[in-house]
Structure formats: structure tokens, C-alpha cells
Amino acid sequence: MRRHQAEQVGDIVHQFLREEGLETPYNEYRLLQSWPEVVGQGIAQLTSNLQIRNRVLYVKLKSSVLRQELMYGRQSLVYRLNEHVGAQVIDHIVLS
């Protein structure tokens, strides 16, 4: 048996996800899972109910002071989360 085109397993999985329409939900899942790593454990413990709808990340915060602090760095946070996933998953964050 000869190999005509050798492909990496990661490329094959990525192609399968794209063809089946699962790439976006998978990237959204990865972004939500990376939240504690990107913002830190302290902030992650004060957040709950993370959801992504229509390319917007909704985050419920337990501290109004933290909410105010995160409001200033929202665009930076969007950039860091998307960079961590390696795809443009969200465009905006709503903090409540």
C-alpha cells in the first residue's frame, strides 16, 4: 500500500469539523473553556453563566467593582480570547 498524500491528523480533524458544520460550536466551546486561563482563576471564580450568542460573549459577574474594571479592558479581552482559540469567535463582550 502506497501513501500518495500524507496528512496530519490535526488537519484531517479540522477539515472534518469544517465540512460537518461543527467548527464554530467547537471554537465557542474552546473559548468558554479558556476563560479561566485567559482572565485568571481569581476573576473566573467571580464570573458565572458564560454564554456565546451571535458572536457576543455574555458574562455574569458577582462583583460590580470587577465589572467596572473589565469594562475598560473589554476589547483587549476579546482579542486575547480569540487569539487563545486561534479563530475569530467573538466580536464583543457584554458584562452584567
PDB file of N, CA and C in Angstrom:
ATOM      1  N   MET A   1       0.838  -1.164   0.000  1.00  0.00           N
ATOM      2  CA  MET A   1       0.000   0.000   0.000  1.00  0.00           C
ATOM      3  C   MET A   1       0.893   1.241   0.000  1.00  0.00           C
ATOM      4  N   ARG A   2       0.658   2.127  -0.914  1.00  0.00           N
ATOM      5  CA  ARG A   2       1.444   3.353  -1.018  1.00  0.00           C
ATOM      6  C   ARG A   2       0.678   4.552  -0.480  1.00  0.00           C
ATOM      7  N   ARG A   3       1.437   5.458   0.055  1.00  0.00           N
ATOM      8  CA  ARG A   3       0.845   6.720   0.506  1.00  0.00           C
ATOM      9  C   ARG A   3       1.070   7.747  -0.584  1.00  0.00           C
ATOM     10  N   HIS A   4       0.010   8.287  -1.050  1.00  0.00           N
ATOM     11  CA  HIS A   4       0.139   9.318  -2.075  1.00  0.00           C
ATOM     12  C   HIS A   4       0.195  10.709  -1.456  1.00  0.00           C
ATOM     13  N   GLN A   5      -0.651  10.918  -0.471  1.00  0.00           N
ATOM     14  CA  GLN A   5      -0.647  12.202   0.212  1.00  0.00           C
ATOM     15  C   GLN A   5      -0.730  11.957   1.718  1.00  0.00           C
ATOM     16  N   ALA A   6       0.322  12.256   2.391  1.00  0.00           N
ATOM     17  CA  ALA A   6       0.330  12.102   3.839  1.00  0.00           C
ATOM     18  C   ALA A   6      -0.186  13.391   4.463  1.00  0.00           C
ATOM     19  N   GLU A   7      -1.171  13.262   5.332  1.00  0.00           N
ATOM     20  CA  GLU A   7      -1.735  14.419   6.016  1.00  0.00           C
ATOM     21  C   GLU A   7      -1.650  14.209   7.517  1.00  0.00           C
ATOM     22  N   GLN A   8      -1.545  15.300   8.233  1.00  0.00           N
ATOM     23  CA  GLN A   8      -1.504  15.223   9.678  1.00  0.00           C
ATOM     24  C   GLN A   8      -2.912  15.007  10.216  1.00  0.00           C
ATOM     25  N   VAL A   9      -3.001  14.318  11.322  1.00  0.00           N
ATOM     26  CA  VAL A   9      -4.289  14.003  11.921  1.00  0.00           C
ATOM     27  C   VAL A   9      -5.045  15.285  12.285  1.00  0.00           C
ATOM     28  N   GLY A  10      -4.343  16.272  12.810  1.00  0.00           N
ATOM     29  CA  GLY A  10      -4.977  17.539  13.177  1.00  0.00           C
ATOM     30  C   GLY A  10      -5.633  18.221  11.995  1.00  0.00           C
ATOM     31  N   ASP A  11      -4.989  18.162  10.840  1.00  0.00           N
ATOM     32  CA  ASP A  11      -5.560  18.752   9.632  1.00  0.00           C
ATOM     33  C   ASP A  11      -6.813  18.013   9.188  1.00  0.00           C
ATOM     34  N   ILE A  12      -6.795  16.694   9.314  1.00  0.00           N
ATOM     35  CA  ILE A  12      -7.954  15.890   8.922  1.00  0.00           C
ATOM     36  C   ILE A  12      -9.132  16.178   9.852  1.00  0.00           C
ATOM     37  N   VAL A  13      -8.877  16.283  11.158  1.00  0.00           N
ATOM     38  CA  VAL A  13      -9.938  16.581  12.117  1.00  0.00           C
ATOM     39  C   VAL A  13     -10.507  17.971  11.848  1.00  0.00           C
ATOM     40  N   HIS A  14      -9.643  18.935  11.604  1.00  0.00           N
ATOM     41  CA  HIS A  14     -10.076  20.300  11.325  1.00  0.00           C
ATOM     42  C   HIS A  14     -10.943  20.338  10.062  1.00  0.00           C
ATOM     43  N   GLN A  15     -10.541  19.628   9.042  1.00  0.00           N
ATOM     44  CA  GLN A  15     -11.309  19.570   7.792  1.00  0.00           C
ATOM     45  C   GLN A  15     -12.670  18.910   8.028  1.00  0.00           C
ATOM     46  N   PHE A  16     -12.698  17.839   8.808  1.00  0.00           N
ATOM     47  CA  PHE A  16     -13.960  17.159   9.126  1.00  0.00           C
ATOM     48  C   PHE A  16     -14.915  18.096   9.864  1.00  0.00           C
ATOM     49  N   LEU A  17     -14.411  18.812  10.875  1.00  0.00           N
ATOM     50  CA  LEU A  17     -15.251  19.738  11.632  1.00  0.00           C
ATOM     51  C   LEU A  17     -15.831  20.818  10.730  1.00  0.00           C
ATOM     52  N   ARG A  18     -15.023  21.326   9.825  1.00  0.00           N
ATOM     53  CA  ARG A  18     -15.484  22.362   8.907  1.00  0.00           C
ATOM     54  C   ARG A  18     -16.563  21.825   7.972  1.00  0.00           C
ATOM     55  N   GLU A  19     -16.356  20.638   7.428  1.00  0.00           N
ATOM     56  CA  GLU A  19     -17.311  20.057   6.492  1.00  0.00           C
ATOM     57  C   GLU A  19     -18.640  19.722   7.165  1.00  0.00           C
ATOM     58  N   GLU A  20     -18.610  19.318   8.419  1.00  0.00           N
ATOM     59  CA  GLU A  20     -19.831  18.937   9.138  1.00  0.00           C
ATOM     60  C   GLU A  20     -20.508  20.124   9.831  1.00  0.00           C
ATOM     61  N   GLY A  21     -19.930  21.319   9.709  1.00  0.00           N
ATOM     62  CA  GLY A  21     -20.523  22.495  10.333  1.00  0.00           C
ATOM     63  C   GLY A  21     -20.327  22.545  11.833  1.00  0.00           C
ATOM     64  N   LEU A  22     -19.307  21.883  12.327  1.00  0.00           N
ATOM     65  CA  LEU A  22     -19.053  21.822  13.767  1.00  0.00           C
ATOM     66  C   LEU A  22     -17.882  22.695  14.209  1.00  0.00           C
ATOM     67  N   GLU A  23     -17.265  23.372  13.283  1.00  0.00           N
ATOM     68  CA  GLU A  23     -16.084  24.175  13.625  1.00  0.00           C
ATOM     69  C   GLU A  23     -16.448  25.337  14.552  1.00  0.00           C
ATOM     70  N   THR A  24     -17.518  26.058  14.250  1.00  0.00           N
ATOM     71  CA  THR A  24     -17.909  27.197  15.074  1.00  0.00           C
ATOM     72  C   THR A  24     -18.319  26.772  16.478  1.00  0.00           C
ATOM     73  N   PRO A  25     -19.201  25.773  16.641  1.00  0.00           N
ATOM     74  CA  PRO A  25     -19.528  25.346  18.011  1.00  0.00           C
ATOM     75  C   PRO A  25     -18.309  24.841  18.788  1.00  0.00           C
ATOM     76  N   TYR A  26     -17.405  24.169  18.105  1.00  0.00           N
ATOM     77  CA  TYR A  26     -16.199  23.676  18.767  1.00  0.00           C
ATOM     78  C   TYR A  26     -15.323  24.841  19.232  1.00  0.00           C
ATOM     79  N   ASN A  27     -15.163  25.859  18.385  1.00  0.00           N
ATOM     80  CA  ASN A  27     -14.369  27.021  18.769  1.00  0.00           C
ATOM     81  C   ASN A  27     -15.026  27.788  19.912  1.00  0.00           C
ATOM     82  N   GLU A  28     -16.357  27.868  19.911  1.00  0.00           N
ATOM     83  CA  GLU A  28     -17.057  28.519  21.016  1.00  0.00           C
ATOM     84  C   GLU A  28     -16.822  27.758  22.319  1.00  0.00           C
ATOM     85  N   TYR A  29     -16.889  26.448  22.260  1.00  0.00           N
ATOM     86  CA  TYR A  29     -16.628  25.616  23.435  1.00  0.00           C
ATOM     87  C   TYR A  29     -15.205  25.847  23.943  1.00  0.00           C
ATOM     88  N   ARG A  30     -14.237  25.864  23.030  1.00  0.00           N
ATOM     89  CA  ARG A  30     -12.848  26.084  23.427  1.00  0.00           C
ATOM     90  C   ARG A  30     -12.667  27.451  24.063  1.00  0.00           C
ATOM     91  N   LEU A  31     -13.351  28.472  23.550  1.00  0.00           N
ATOM     92  CA  LEU A  31     -13.239  29.815  24.104  1.00  0.00           C
ATOM     93  C   LEU A  31     -13.803  29.845  25.529  1.00  0.00           C
ATOM     94  N   LEU A  32     -14.954  29.236  25.730  1.00  0.00           N
ATOM     95  CA  LEU A  32     -15.539  29.213  27.074  1.00  0.00           C
ATOM     96  C   LEU A  32     -14.650  28.449  28.050  1.00  0.00           C
ATOM     97  N   GLN A  33     -14.028  27.382  27.594  1.00  0.00           N
ATOM     98  CA  GLN A  33     -13.135  26.608  28.455  1.00  0.00           C
ATOM     99  C   GLN A  33     -11.844  27.354  28.764  1.00  0.00           C
ATOM    100  N   SER A  34     -11.439  28.267  27.886  1.00  0.00           N
ATOM    101  CA  SER A  34     -10.193  29.005  28.099  1.00  0.00           C
ATOM    102  C   SER A  34     -10.380  30.252  28.955  1.00  0.00           C
ATOM    103  N   TRP A  35     -11.621  30.584  29.315  1.00  0.00           N
ATOM    104  CA  TRP A  35     -11.892  31.786  30.108  1.00  0.00           C
ATOM    105  C   TRP A  35     -11.040  31.849  31.386  1.00  0.00           C
ATOM    106  N   PRO A  36     -11.003  30.814  32.233  1.00  0.00           N
ATOM    107  CA  PRO A  36     -10.186  30.910  33.455  1.00  0.00           C
ATOM    108  C   PRO A  36      -8.694  31.091  33.165  1.00  0.00           C
ATOM    109  N   GLU A  37      -8.225  30.489  32.109  1.00  0.00           N
ATOM    110  CA  GLU A  37      -6.806  30.591  31.771  1.00  0.00           C
ATOM    111  C   GLU A  37      -6.450  31.996  31.290  1.00  0.00           C
ATOM    112  N   VAL A  38      -7.348  32.626  30.550  1.00  0.00           N
ATOM    113  CA  VAL A  38      -7.070  33.953  29.989  1.00  0.00           C
ATOM    114  C   VAL A  38      -7.232  35.049  31.035  1.00  0.00           C
ATOM    115  N   VAL A  39      -8.313  34.980  31.838  1.00  0.00           N
ATOM    116  CA  VAL A  39      -8.558  36.053  32.811  1.00  0.00           C
ATOM    117  C   VAL A  39      -7.944  35.777  34.167  1.00  0.00           C
ATOM    118  N   GLY A  40      -7.616  34.531  34.452  1.00  0.00           N
ATOM    119  CA  GLY A  40      -7.046  34.174  35.743  1.00  0.00           C
ATOM    120  C   GLY A  40      -8.095  33.541  36.641  1.00  0.00           C
ATOM    121  N   GLN A  41      -7.651  32.729  37.581  1.00  0.00           N
ATOM    122  CA  GLN A  41      -8.558  31.990  38.454  1.00  0.00           C
ATOM    123  C   GLN A  41      -9.368  32.905  39.371  1.00  0.00           C
ATOM    124  N   GLY A  42      -8.760  33.973  39.831  1.00  0.00           N
ATOM    125  CA  GLY A  42      -9.463  34.894  40.733  1.00  0.00           C
ATOM    126  C   GLY A  42     -10.679  35.523  40.084  1.00  0.00           C
ATOM    127  N   ILE A  43     -10.508  36.000  38.879  1.00  0.00           N
ATOM    128  CA  ILE A  43     -11.630  36.602  38.149  1.00  0.00           C
ATOM    129  C   ILE A  43     -12.622  35.526  37.731  1.00  0.00           C
ATOM    130  N   ALA A  44     -12.135  34.377  37.311  1.00  0.00           N
ATOM    131  CA  ALA A  44     -13.015  33.295  36.866  1.00  0.00           C
ATOM    132  C   ALA A  44     -13.943  32.835  37.977  1.00  0.00           C
ATOM    133  N   GLN A  45     -13.482  32.886  39.223  1.00  0.00           N
ATOM    134  CA  GLN A  45     -14.328  32.473  40.339  1.00  0.00           C
ATOM    135  C   GLN A  45     -15.456  33.462  40.605  1.00  0.00           C
ATOM    136  N   LEU A  46     -15.281  34.710  40.160  1.00  0.00           N
ATOM    137  CA  LEU A  46     -16.310  35.734  40.355  1.00  0.00           C
ATOM    138  C   LEU A  46     -17.224  35.882  39.142  1.00  0.00           C
ATOM    139  N   THR A  47     -17.097  34.989  38.178  1.00  0.00           N
ATOM    140  CA  THR A  47     -17.950  35.033  36.993  1.00  0.00           C
ATOM    141  C   THR A  47     -18.782  33.760  36.919  1.00  0.00           C
ATOM    142  N   SER A  48     -19.904  33.877  36.251  1.00  0.00           N
ATOM    143  CA  SER A  48     -20.758  32.713  36.052  1.00  0.00           C
ATOM    144  C   SER A  48     -21.587  32.928  34.791  1.00  0.00           C
ATOM    145  N   ASN A  49     -22.250  31.873  34.380  1.00  0.00           N
ATOM    146  CA  ASN A  49     -23.200  31.937  33.275  1.00  0.00           C
ATOM    147  C   ASN A  49     -22.595  32.539  32.001  1.00  0.00           C
ATOM    148  N   LEU A  50     -21.476  31.999  31.560  1.00  0.00           N
ATOM    149  CA  LEU A  50     -20.873  32.439  30.306  1.00  0.00           C
ATOM    150  C   LEU A  50     -21.645  31.815  29.141  1.00  0.00           C
ATOM    151  N   GLN A  51     -22.041  32.638  28.189  1.00  0.00           N
ATOM    152  CA  GLN A  51     -22.760  32.180  27.004  1.00  0.00           C
ATOM    153  C   GLN A  51     -22.281  32.956  25.793  1.00  0.00           C
ATOM    154  N   ILE A  52     -22.299  32.302  24.647  1.00  0.00           N
ATOM    155  CA  ILE A  52     -21.988  32.975  23.386  1.00  0.00           C
ATOM    156  C   ILE A  52     -23.223  32.882  22.508  1.00  0.00           C
ATOM    157  N   ARG A  53     -23.708  34.039  22.080  1.00  0.00           N
ATOM    158  CA  ARG A  53     -24.828  34.109  21.145  1.00  0.00           C
ATOM    159  C   ARG A  53     -24.524  35.182  20.114  1.00  0.00           C
ATOM    160  N   ASN A  54     -24.623  34.828  18.863  1.00  0.00           N
ATOM    161  CA  ASN A  54     -24.401  35.769  17.759  1.00  0.00           C
ATOM    162  C   ASN A  54     -23.067  36.501  17.874  1.00  0.00           C
ATOM    163  N   ARG A  55     -22.018  35.745  18.157  1.00  0.00           N
ATOM    164  CA  ARG A  55     -20.649  36.253  18.246  1.00  0.00           C
ATOM    165  C   ARG A  55     -20.445  37.259  19.387  1.00  0.00           C
ATOM    166  N   VAL A  56     -21.313  37.201  20.387  1.00  0.00           N
ATOM    167  CA  VAL A  56     -21.202  38.058  21.570  1.00  0.00           C
ATOM    168  C   VAL A  56     -21.095  37.161  22.791  1.00  0.00           C
ATOM    169  N   LEU A  57     -20.095  37.427  23.626  1.00  0.00           N
ATOM    170  CA  LEU A  57     -19.904  36.683  24.875  1.00  0.00           C
ATOM    171  C   LEU A  57     -20.621  37.427  25.993  1.00  0.00           C
ATOM    172  N   TYR A  58     -21.553  36.737  26.650  1.00  0.00           N
ATOM    173  CA  TYR A  58     -22.281  37.288  27.781  1.00  0.00           C
ATOM    174  C   TYR A  58     -21.697  36.695  29.056  1.00  0.00           C
ATOM    175  N   VAL A  59     -21.313  37.582  29.983  1.00  0.00           N
ATOM    176  CA  VAL A  59     -20.674  37.150  31.228  1.00  0.00           C
ATOM    177  C   VAL A  59     -21.429  37.770  32.397  1.00  0.00           C
ATOM    178  N   LYS A  60     -21.824  36.942  33.337  1.00  0.00           N
ATOM    179  CA  LYS A  60     -22.480  37.408  34.560  1.00  0.00           C
ATOM    180  C   LYS A  60     -21.408  37.510  35.640  1.00  0.00           C
ATOM    181  N   LEU A  61     -21.309  38.672  36.268  1.00  0.00           N
ATOM    182  CA  LEU A  61     -20.298  38.920  37.295  1.00  0.00           C
ATOM    183  C   LEU A  61     -20.936  39.062  38.667  1.00  0.00           C
ATOM    184  N   LYS A  62     -20.230  38.617  39.687  1.00  0.00           N
ATOM    185  CA  LYS A  62     -20.718  38.697  41.062  1.00  0.00           C
ATOM    186  C   LYS A  62     -20.267  39.984  41.748  1.00  0.00           C
ATOM    187  N   SER A  63     -19.393  40.746  41.102  1.00  0.00           N
ATOM    188  CA  SER A  63     -18.839  41.953  41.714  1.00  0.00           C
ATOM    189  C   SER A  63     -18.997  43.134  40.758  1.00  0.00           C
ATOM    190  N   SER A  64     -19.619  44.198  41.246  1.00  0.00           N
ATOM    191  CA  SER A  64     -19.788  45.385  40.412  1.00  0.00           C
ATOM    192  C   SER A  64     -18.454  46.097  40.186  1.00  0.00           C
ATOM    193  N   VAL A  65     -17.550  45.994  41.150  1.00  0.00           N
ATOM    194  CA  VAL A  65     -16.224  46.602  41.008  1.00  0.00           C
ATOM    195  C   VAL A  65     -15.451  45.897  39.901  1.00  0.00           C
ATOM    196  N   LEU A  66     -15.507  44.592  39.888  1.00  0.00           N
ATOM    197  CA  LEU A  66     -14.842  43.815  38.834  1.00  0.00           C
ATOM    198  C   LEU A  66     -15.452  44.124  37.479  1.00  0.00           C
ATOM    199  N   ARG A  67     -16.764  44.256  37.438  1.00  0.00           N
ATOM    200  CA  ARG A  67     -17.440  44.594  36.186  1.00  0.00           C
ATOM    201  C   ARG A  67     -16.909  45.907  35.622  1.00  0.00           C
ATOM    202  N   GLN A  68     -16.773  46.893  36.477  1.00  0.00           N
ATOM    203  CA  GLN A  68     -16.273  48.199  36.048  1.00  0.00           C
ATOM    204  C   GLN A  68     -14.833  48.097  35.533  1.00  0.00           C
ATOM    205  N   GLU A  69     -14.006  47.319  36.206  1.00  0.00           N
ATOM    206  CA  GLU A  69     -12.616  47.149  35.780  1.00  0.00           C
ATOM    207  C   GLU A  69     -12.534  46.446  34.420  1.00  0.00           C
ATOM    208  N   LEU A  70     -13.348  45.401  34.250  1.00  0.00           N
ATOM    209  CA  LEU A  70     -13.314  44.661  32.988  1.00  0.00           C
ATOM    210  C   LEU A  70     -13.876  45.473  31.825  1.00  0.00           C
ATOM    211  N   MET A  71     -14.761  46.425  32.126  1.00  0.00           N
ATOM    212  CA  MET A  71     -15.331  47.273  31.069  1.00  0.00           C
ATOM    213  C   MET A  71     -14.224  48.050  30.349  1.00  0.00           C
ATOM    214  N   TYR A  72     -13.216  48.472  31.100  1.00  0.00           N
ATOM    215  CA  TYR A  72     -12.131  49.253  30.497  1.00  0.00           C
ATOM    216  C   TYR A  72     -11.270  48.422  29.551  1.00  0.00           C
ATOM    217  N   GLY A  73     -11.132  47.126  29.836  1.00  0.00           N
ATOM    218  CA  GLY A  73     -10.269  46.282  29.019  1.00  0.00           C
ATOM    219  C   GLY A  73     -11.022  45.294  28.152  1.00  0.00           C
ATOM    220  N   ARG A  74     -12.268  45.614  27.808  1.00  0.00           N
ATOM    221  CA  ARG A  74     -13.093  44.674  27.039  1.00  0.00           C
ATOM    222  C   ARG A  74     -12.484  44.305  25.700  1.00  0.00           C
ATOM    223  N   GLN A  75     -12.044  45.275  24.926  1.00  0.00           N
ATOM    224  CA  GLN A  75     -11.504  44.989  23.590  1.00  0.00           C
ATOM    225  C   GLN A  75     -10.232  44.150  23.680  1.00  0.00           C
ATOM    226  N   SER A  76      -9.412  44.437  24.668  1.00  0.00           N
ATOM    227  CA  SER A  76      -8.203  43.644  24.875  1.00  0.00           C
ATOM    228  C   SER A  76      -8.558  42.210  25.241  1.00  0.00           C
ATOM    229  N   LEU A  77      -9.586  42.048  26.041  1.00  0.00           N
ATOM    230  CA  LEU A  77     -10.038  40.725  26.453  1.00  0.00           C
ATOM    231  C   LEU A  77     -10.590  39.938  25.261  1.00  0.00           C
ATOM    232  N   VAL A  78     -11.342  40.607  24.402  1.00  0.00           N
ATOM    233  CA  VAL A  78     -11.855  39.969  23.177  1.00  0.00           C
ATOM    234  C   VAL A  78     -10.692  39.484  22.328  1.00  0.00           C
ATOM    235  N   TYR A  79      -9.691  40.327  22.165  1.00  0.00           N
ATOM    236  CA  TYR A  79      -8.523  39.970  21.358  1.00  0.00           C
ATOM    237  C   TYR A  79      -7.789  38.771  21.957  1.00  0.00           C
ATOM    238  N   ARG A  80      -7.561  38.790  23.271  1.00  0.00           N
ATOM    239  CA  ARG A  80      -6.819  37.697  23.923  1.00  0.00           C
ATOM    240  C   ARG A  80      -7.569  36.381  23.862  1.00  0.00           C
ATOM    241  N   LEU A  81      -8.893  36.418  24.050  1.00  0.00           N
ATOM    242  CA  LEU A  81      -9.679  35.186  23.977  1.00  0.00           C
ATOM    243  C   LEU A  81      -9.651  34.604  22.568  1.00  0.00           C
ATOM    244  N   ASN A  82      -9.863  35.456  21.562  1.00  0.00           N
ATOM    245  CA  ASN A  82      -9.825  34.980  20.178  1.00  0.00           C
ATOM    246  C   ASN A  82      -8.441  34.451  19.813  1.00  0.00           C
ATOM    247  N   GLU A  83      -7.414  35.117  20.279  1.00  0.00           N
ATOM    248  CA  GLU A  83      -6.049  34.679  19.984  1.00  0.00           C
ATOM    249  C   GLU A  83      -5.766  33.327  20.637  1.00  0.00           C
ATOM    250  N   HIS A  84      -6.275  33.130  21.836  1.00  0.00           N
ATOM    251  CA  HIS A  84      -6.057  31.866  22.545  1.00  0.00           C
ATOM    252  C   HIS A  84      -6.694  30.699  21.781  1.00  0.00           C
ATOM    253  N   VAL A  85      -7.868  30.938  21.198  1.00  0.00           N
ATOM    254  CA  VAL A  85      -8.565  29.898  20.436  1.00  0.00           C
ATOM    255  C   VAL A  85      -7.955  29.754  19.046  1.00  0.00           C
ATOM    256  N   GLY A  86      -7.442  30.838  18.510  1.00  0.00           N
ATOM    257  CA  GLY A  86      -6.863  30.788  17.166  1.00  0.00           C
ATOM    258  C   GLY A  86      -7.872  31.046  16.077  1.00  0.00           C
ATOM    259  N   ALA A  87      -9.003  31.664  16.425  1.00  0.00           N
ATOM    260  CA  ALA A  87     -10.037  31.976  15.449  1.00  0.00           C
ATOM    261  C   ALA A  87     -10.833  33.178  15.952  1.00  0.00           C
ATOM    262  N   GLN A  88     -11.495  33.856  15.036  1.00  0.00           N
ATOM    263  CA  GLN A  88     -12.340  34.997  15.389  1.00  0.00           C
ATOM    264  C   GLN A  88     -13.713  34.459  15.811  1.00  0.00           C
ATOM    265  N   VAL A  89     -13.869  34.204  17.107  1.00  0.00           N
ATOM    266  CA  VAL A  89     -15.084  33.580  17.629  1.00  0.00           C
ATOM    267  C   VAL A  89     -16.074  34.632  18.119  1.00  0.00           C
ATOM    268  N   ILE A  90     -15.574  35.637  18.843  1.00  0.00           N
ATOM    269  CA  ILE A  90     -16.442  36.677  19.379  1.00  0.00           C
ATOM    270  C   ILE A  90     -15.992  38.038  18.888  1.00  0.00           C
ATOM    271  N   ASP A  91     -16.953  38.967  18.832  1.00  0.00           N
ATOM    272  CA  ASP A  91     -16.660  40.344  18.431  1.00  0.00           C
ATOM    273  C   ASP A  91     -16.817  41.319  19.585  1.00  0.00           C
ATOM    274  N   HIS A  92     -17.565  40.898  20.600  1.00  0.00           N
ATOM    275  CA  HIS A  92     -17.936  41.824  21.663  1.00  0.00           C
ATOM    276  C   HIS A  92     -18.192  41.037  22.951  1.00  0.00           C
ATOM    277  N   ILE A  93     -18.051  41.712  24.095  1.00  0.00           N
ATOM    278  CA  ILE A  93     -18.360  41.108  25.399  1.00  0.00           C
ATOM    279  C   ILE A  93     -19.381  42.000  26.104  1.00  0.00           C
ATOM    280  N   VAL A  94     -20.420  41.378  26.648  1.00  0.00           N
ATOM    281  CA  VAL A  94     -21.404  42.085  27.459  1.00  0.00           C
ATOM    282  C   VAL A  94     -21.247  41.598  28.888  1.00  0.00           C
ATOM    283  N   LEU A  95     -20.967  42.535  29.775  1.00  0.00           N
ATOM    284  CA  LEU A  95     -20.758  42.208  31.189  1.00  0.00           C
ATOM    285  C   LEU A  95     -21.975  42.672  31.982  1.00  0.00           C
ATOM    286  N   SER A  96     -22.544  41.779  32.775  1.00  0.00           N
ATOM    287  CA  SER A  96     -23.703  42.156  33.579  1.00  0.00           C
ATOM    288  C   SER A  96     -23.572  41.621  34.987  1.00  0.00           C
TER     289      SER A  96
END
